[in-house]
N, C-alpha and C. Protein backbone atom coordinates (compact mmCIF):
# COMPACT_ATOMS: atom_id res chain seq x y z
N GLU A 1 13.41 0.41 7.64
CA GLU A 1 12.62 1.04 6.69
C GLU A 1 11.24 1.62 6.69
N ALA A 2 10.49 0.81 7.07
CA ALA A 2 8.91 0.81 7.77
C ALA A 2 9.39 2.17 8.78
N GLU A 3 9.67 1.97 9.76
CA GLU A 3 9.70 2.90 10.90
C GLU A 3 10.18 4.58 10.33
N GLY A 4 11.30 4.67 9.60
CA GLY A 4 11.49 5.91 8.60
C GLY A 4 10.52 6.29 8.06
N ARG A 5 9.62 5.29 6.92
CA ARG A 5 8.50 5.96 6.32
C ARG A 5 7.34 6.62 6.97
N ALA A 6 7.23 5.67 8.31
CA ALA A 6 6.17 5.87 9.38
C ALA A 6 6.51 7.49 10.10
N GLY A 7 7.66 7.45 10.25
CA GLY A 7 8.09 9.19 10.64
C GLY A 7 7.80 10.12 9.83
N LYS A 8 7.99 9.84 8.49
CA LYS A 8 7.82 11.07 7.49
C LYS A 8 6.11 11.03 7.11
N LEU A 9 5.52 10.01 7.29
CA LEU A 9 3.70 10.07 7.42
C LEU A 9 3.25 10.47 8.37
N GLU A 10 3.51 10.46 9.61
CA GLU A 10 3.20 11.04 10.77
C GLU A 10 2.87 12.46 10.71
N GLY A 11 1.40 12.70 11.32
CA GLY A 11 1.43 14.07 11.25
C GLY A 11 0.92 14.61 9.49
N ALA A 12 0.84 13.95 8.38
CA ALA A 12 1.11 14.47 7.04
C ALA A 12 -0.44 14.24 7.12
N SER A 13 -0.53 15.61 5.92
CA SER A 13 -1.94 15.53 5.38
C SER A 13 -2.00 15.56 4.02
N VAL A 14 -3.05 15.02 3.45
CA VAL A 14 -3.55 14.30 2.12
C VAL A 14 -4.90 14.93 1.57
N THR A 15 -4.65 15.80 0.45
CA THR A 15 -5.95 16.63 -0.26
C THR A 15 -6.56 15.86 -1.06
N LEU A 16 -7.67 15.12 -1.34
CA LEU A 16 -8.32 14.64 -2.52
C LEU A 16 -9.51 15.65 -3.13
N THR A 17 -9.42 15.79 -4.25
CA THR A 17 -10.78 16.55 -4.74
C THR A 17 -11.62 15.87 -5.53
N ALA A 18 -12.46 15.58 -5.51
CA ALA A 18 -13.87 14.68 -6.18
C ALA A 18 -15.40 15.55 -6.23
N ASN A 19 -15.76 14.86 -7.38
CA ASN A 19 -17.01 15.28 -7.77
C ASN A 19 -17.91 15.08 -6.68
N ALA A 20 -18.75 16.45 -6.01
CA ALA A 20 -19.54 16.42 -5.14
C ALA A 20 -20.99 17.06 -4.94
N ALA A 21 -22.05 16.56 -4.79
CA ALA A 21 -23.15 17.12 -4.79
C ALA A 21 -23.22 18.63 -3.72
N THR A 22 -24.17 19.44 -4.07
CA THR A 22 -23.98 20.98 -3.60
C THR A 22 -23.98 20.60 -1.57
N GLU A 23 -24.60 19.51 -1.28
CA GLU A 23 -24.73 19.07 0.18
C GLU A 23 -23.47 17.96 0.69
N GLY A 24 -22.41 17.92 -0.35
CA GLY A 24 -21.25 17.22 0.31
C GLY A 24 -21.22 16.02 -0.14
N LYS A 25 -22.22 15.12 -0.58
CA LYS A 25 -21.75 13.72 -0.73
C LYS A 25 -20.82 13.67 -2.22
N LEU A 26 -20.11 12.79 -2.20
CA LEU A 26 -19.53 12.50 -3.13
C LEU A 26 -20.20 11.71 -4.27
N PHE A 27 -19.91 11.75 -5.51
CA PHE A 27 -20.24 11.07 -6.61
C PHE A 27 -20.30 9.65 -6.86
N ARG A 28 -19.05 9.67 -6.36
CA ARG A 28 -18.24 8.30 -6.59
C ARG A 28 -17.25 8.21 -5.11
N SER A 29 -17.36 7.08 -4.50
CA SER A 29 -16.72 7.25 -3.29
C SER A 29 -14.96 7.47 -3.62
N ALA A 30 -14.40 7.44 -2.52
CA ALA A 30 -12.87 7.35 -2.66
C ALA A 30 -12.54 6.61 -1.63
N GLY A 31 -11.65 5.55 -2.23
CA GLY A 31 -11.17 4.56 -1.73
C GLY A 31 -9.77 4.13 -1.34
N PRO A 32 -9.17 3.43 -0.34
CA PRO A 32 -7.59 3.19 -0.40
C PRO A 32 -6.72 3.46 -1.88
N ARG A 33 -7.29 3.49 -3.06
CA ARG A 33 -6.26 3.73 -4.33
C ARG A 33 -6.64 5.53 -4.30
N HIS A 34 -7.56 5.83 -4.26
CA HIS A 34 -7.40 7.22 -4.11
C HIS A 34 -6.53 7.77 -3.21
N SER A 35 -6.63 7.61 -2.10
CA SER A 35 -5.81 8.03 -0.61
C SER A 35 -4.16 7.95 -1.42
N ALA A 36 -4.04 6.65 -1.74
CA ALA A 36 -2.48 5.93 -1.88
C ALA A 36 -1.96 7.15 -3.47
N ASP A 37 -2.81 7.32 -4.13
CA ASP A 37 -2.35 8.08 -5.41
C ASP A 37 -2.04 9.43 -5.03
N ALA A 38 -2.81 10.28 -3.82
CA ALA A 38 -2.88 11.63 -3.54
C ALA A 38 -1.72 11.72 -2.39
N SER A 39 -1.53 10.65 -1.89
CA SER A 39 -0.35 10.50 -0.83
C SER A 39 1.15 10.80 -1.81
N THR A 40 1.08 9.83 -2.87
CA THR A 40 1.99 9.72 -3.75
C THR A 40 2.19 10.88 -4.55
N ALA A 41 1.49 11.38 -4.82
CA ALA A 41 1.24 12.88 -5.75
C ALA A 41 1.80 13.80 -4.69
N ALA A 42 1.53 13.74 -3.33
CA ALA A 42 2.12 14.80 -2.15
C ALA A 42 3.70 14.62 -1.99
N GLY A 43 4.22 13.50 -2.52
CA GLY A 43 5.57 13.34 -2.06
C GLY A 43 5.54 12.20 -1.01
N LEU A 44 4.69 11.61 -0.64
CA LEU A 44 4.77 10.53 0.38
C LEU A 44 4.47 9.66 -0.20
N PRO A 45 5.21 8.80 -1.27
CA PRO A 45 4.79 7.43 -1.59
C PRO A 45 3.82 6.43 -0.57
N LEU A 46 2.73 5.84 -1.31
CA LEU A 46 2.32 4.60 -0.39
C LEU A 46 1.33 3.84 -1.80
N GLU A 47 1.22 2.27 -1.30
CA GLU A 47 0.78 1.74 -1.68
C GLU A 47 -0.89 1.43 -1.67
N LYS A 48 -1.75 0.74 -2.23
CA LYS A 48 -2.95 0.59 -1.82
C LYS A 48 -3.29 -0.23 -1.07
N SER A 49 -2.33 -1.43 -0.80
CA SER A 49 -2.24 -2.50 0.14
C SER A 49 -1.86 -1.89 1.46
N GLU A 50 -1.39 -0.64 1.56
CA GLU A 50 -1.02 -0.40 3.00
C GLU A 50 -2.01 0.31 3.39
N VAL A 51 -2.93 1.14 2.50
CA VAL A 51 -3.99 2.03 3.22
C VAL A 51 -5.04 1.02 4.14
N ILE A 52 -5.39 1.30 5.20
CA ILE A 52 -6.33 0.89 5.59
C ILE A 52 -7.69 1.58 6.08
N MET A 53 -8.80 1.38 5.50
CA MET A 53 -10.00 2.58 5.75
C MET A 53 -11.15 1.50 6.57
N GLY A 54 -10.85 1.43 7.88
CA GLY A 54 -11.71 0.36 8.64
C GLY A 54 -13.22 0.69 8.76
N GLU A 55 -13.47 1.87 8.58
CA GLU A 55 -14.94 2.37 8.16
C GLU A 55 -15.31 2.47 6.52
N GLY A 56 -14.88 1.82 5.93
CA GLY A 56 -14.91 1.54 4.41
C GLY A 56 -14.47 3.00 3.59
N ALA A 57 -14.91 3.24 2.47
CA ALA A 57 -14.75 4.40 1.51
C ALA A 57 -15.41 5.45 2.12
N LEU A 58 -14.41 6.58 1.59
CA LEU A 58 -15.07 8.13 2.09
C LEU A 58 -16.25 8.49 0.91
N ARG A 59 -17.45 8.78 1.69
CA ARG A 59 -18.69 9.47 0.64
C ARG A 59 -18.83 10.76 0.74
N ASN A 60 -18.29 11.56 1.74
CA ASN A 60 -18.81 12.70 2.18
C ASN A 60 -17.28 13.52 2.09
N VAL A 61 -17.57 14.95 1.96
CA VAL A 61 -16.60 15.93 1.81
C VAL A 61 -16.23 16.00 3.39
N GLY A 62 -14.97 16.14 3.79
CA GLY A 62 -14.44 16.25 5.19
C GLY A 62 -13.39 15.82 5.07
N GLU A 63 -12.76 15.76 6.67
CA GLU A 63 -11.56 15.34 7.45
C GLU A 63 -11.57 13.79 7.80
N TYR A 64 -10.59 13.04 7.16
CA TYR A 64 -10.69 11.92 8.08
C TYR A 64 -9.61 11.46 8.24
N GLU A 65 -9.31 10.40 9.09
CA GLU A 65 -7.95 10.00 9.64
C GLU A 65 -8.15 8.52 8.72
N ILE A 66 -7.13 8.13 8.54
CA ILE A 66 -6.78 6.85 7.63
C ILE A 66 -5.11 6.42 8.15
N VAL A 67 -5.70 5.19 8.62
CA VAL A 67 -4.39 4.00 9.26
C VAL A 67 -3.73 3.41 8.04
N VAL A 68 -2.41 3.71 8.07
CA VAL A 68 -1.40 3.15 7.07
C VAL A 68 -0.41 2.26 7.86
N LYS A 69 -1.03 0.89 7.43
CA LYS A 69 0.04 0.16 7.74
C LYS A 69 1.15 -0.42 6.84
N LEU A 70 2.39 -0.21 7.33
CA LEU A 70 3.74 -0.33 6.53
C LEU A 70 4.55 -1.52 6.79
N HIS A 71 4.22 -2.18 7.78
CA HIS A 71 4.99 -3.39 8.28
C HIS A 71 3.94 -4.03 9.28
N ALA A 72 4.00 -5.60 9.51
CA ALA A 72 3.26 -6.02 10.49
C ALA A 72 3.38 -5.04 12.22
N ASP A 73 3.98 -4.70 12.19
CA ASP A 73 4.42 -3.81 13.41
C ASP A 73 4.65 -2.57 13.65
N VAL A 74 4.59 -1.82 12.46
CA VAL A 74 4.62 -0.60 12.02
C VAL A 74 3.24 0.03 11.41
N GLN A 75 2.78 0.78 12.03
CA GLN A 75 1.41 1.88 11.31
C GLN A 75 1.69 2.93 11.76
N THR A 76 0.79 3.65 11.24
CA THR A 76 0.45 5.37 11.56
C THR A 76 -0.93 6.04 10.92
N THR A 77 -1.24 7.02 11.31
CA THR A 77 -2.23 7.77 10.74
C THR A 77 -1.88 9.04 9.97
N VAL A 78 -2.55 9.02 8.79
CA VAL A 78 -2.37 9.85 7.77
C VAL A 78 -3.56 10.75 7.83
N LYS A 79 -4.00 11.98 7.89
CA LYS A 79 -4.95 13.28 7.71
C LYS A 79 -5.32 13.09 5.80
N VAL A 80 -6.70 12.66 5.63
CA VAL A 80 -6.90 12.95 4.48
C VAL A 80 -8.49 14.03 4.17
N VAL A 81 -8.32 15.10 3.60
CA VAL A 81 -8.98 16.10 3.51
C VAL A 81 -9.43 15.94 2.18
N VAL A 82 -10.98 15.66 2.15
CA VAL A 82 -11.72 15.39 0.70
C VAL A 82 -12.31 16.70 0.29
N GLN A 83 -12.28 17.45 -0.56
CA GLN A 83 -12.82 18.33 -1.22
C GLN A 83 -13.46 18.67 -2.32
N ALA A 84 -14.72 19.39 -2.69
CA ALA A 84 -15.58 19.32 -3.82
C ALA A 84 -14.55 19.92 -4.89
N GLU A 85 -14.88 19.24 -5.87
CA GLU A 85 -13.98 20.09 -7.29
C GLU A 85 -15.04 21.44 -7.34
N ALA A 86 -14.11 22.35 -7.97
CA ALA A 86 -14.56 23.80 -8.28
C ALA A 86 -15.35 23.64 -9.66
């Protein structure tokens, strides 16, 4: 099951929108829960505990690669795009 989910997630891109200052710094950092919720909303269900953010929470607008660990031996990478709210 985990390998099947990894296949669906591989190469996927998820977009988060957050309040940000004009220079691109987020007013509130985006952590594993935000990434999991955005992925689930995009039709790719994830749990917060499956999202691994080795460099910590996202604090700026931009594109990031996050690791998703679905099983002890199964992990993949998902692209997260953080955009400022209009």
